[in-house]
Amino acid sequence: MSAGAMRGAAPQEGPGAAAGAAGGPPSAESVPLVVAIPTHKRPEGLERAVGTVLPQITAIVSDASSPVSRAELLVIDNDPAASARATAERLAAGPGGSALRYVVEERPGVAAVRNRALDEAADARLLVFIDDDEEARENWLSSLVGLWAREGAQAVAGHVLPAYDAEPEAWVREGGFFVRATWPTGTARPASASNCLLLDLDFLRARGLRFDERFGATGGEDTLLTRSLVAAGGTLLWCAEAQVVDHVPAQRLDRAWILRRQRAHAANSVRVDLALAGSGSRAARARIRGRALIGGAARVVAGAGRGVAGIILRSTSHRARGARLMARGTGLASAALGGSGHAEYGRS
């Protein structure tokens, strides 16, 4: 496995990781932090993401009230050809770039990249993920860290907002396909995606938690990890103020792509349930498959009915949401019957 070796002069180190129980609130000592951006052949998106994260890293380290002693921006390139190297090197030479480090993870799949982040953050207490097609809004990082410091949570998730690179058709907007739910800050959540997520690494290390690389090509590794974190006694809190903007390219506004992703997400939810059940209980796994099959069939029927109602009522919303429900039902049923899921993160 090759790793890029471009490392700037990191901000001066503080006293190191906080003491105390694994995953507990920070002590009087300050805390080292790593922000990780996994990337794969998105140089423009990477530049945009880095441009919004680096100033926040500089600000949080220089803030006397912050628990963070030192911080690093880790760019993990999942292209074996290291196509992001030139972009990363140029950004590292710019303002605040001394905090940027670039590595290459040759193993394909999003789970391998996220596990590489865990390994590269071996000396850190906190690891924060943001994607290479996102940009961080103001106070994103300080909001995540602040809630963690106040509440002693083992994970903190933030709100992802869509920004369309092209005007979507009414069917896409009315279907709400790219709109994520939000909750009041401090709300405990059972799981989270990892594109706006803070993890307390002391807790993960103490519980032996890592991303499951069986989910590397399909996604769902983040849901499995955060559900495992909660099952192990950890707390995952929502932070509404920690916001990132997800840039949705025009090619993702295609109906076929959207419905394929809905099926994949539903299928992944079943695969996560099965992974959590483990291989020891055949009865539990049979119950999971049975619920998914029945629930999937019910959604297909309900979605078809809503779609018909949309045609009769000339309602774009009903037609779109009916199609969404049918796609999710199909995904549930497929996974219940042993379908492997769509390889959204397969290497191309």
Foldseek 3Di string as FASTA:
>chain_A
DFKDFDAAQWDDAFPFDADDDQLFAGDPAAFEEEEEEEDEPDQVLQLQACVQVLVVQVVQCPDPPHSHPTYAYEYEYQDPVPPNVVSLVVQLPDPSNNRYDYIYDPDFFPQSRQQVQLVVCVRGQKYAYAYSQKHWDPCQVVLQRVLCNVPSFQKEFEAEAEDEPDDFDPLCVLQCLPHDDADAWFDWDQFDDRNTMMGGSSLCVVVVAGFDCLCGQLDLSRRLRSNVCVVVPGTYTYGHVNYMYGYDYPVCSDPVNSLLNLLSVLLSVLVSQDVVVPDPDPPSNLVSLVCLQVQLVVLLVVLVVQLVVCVVVVNSSSNSNSSSSNSSSNSSNCSSVPHSGDRNRGDD
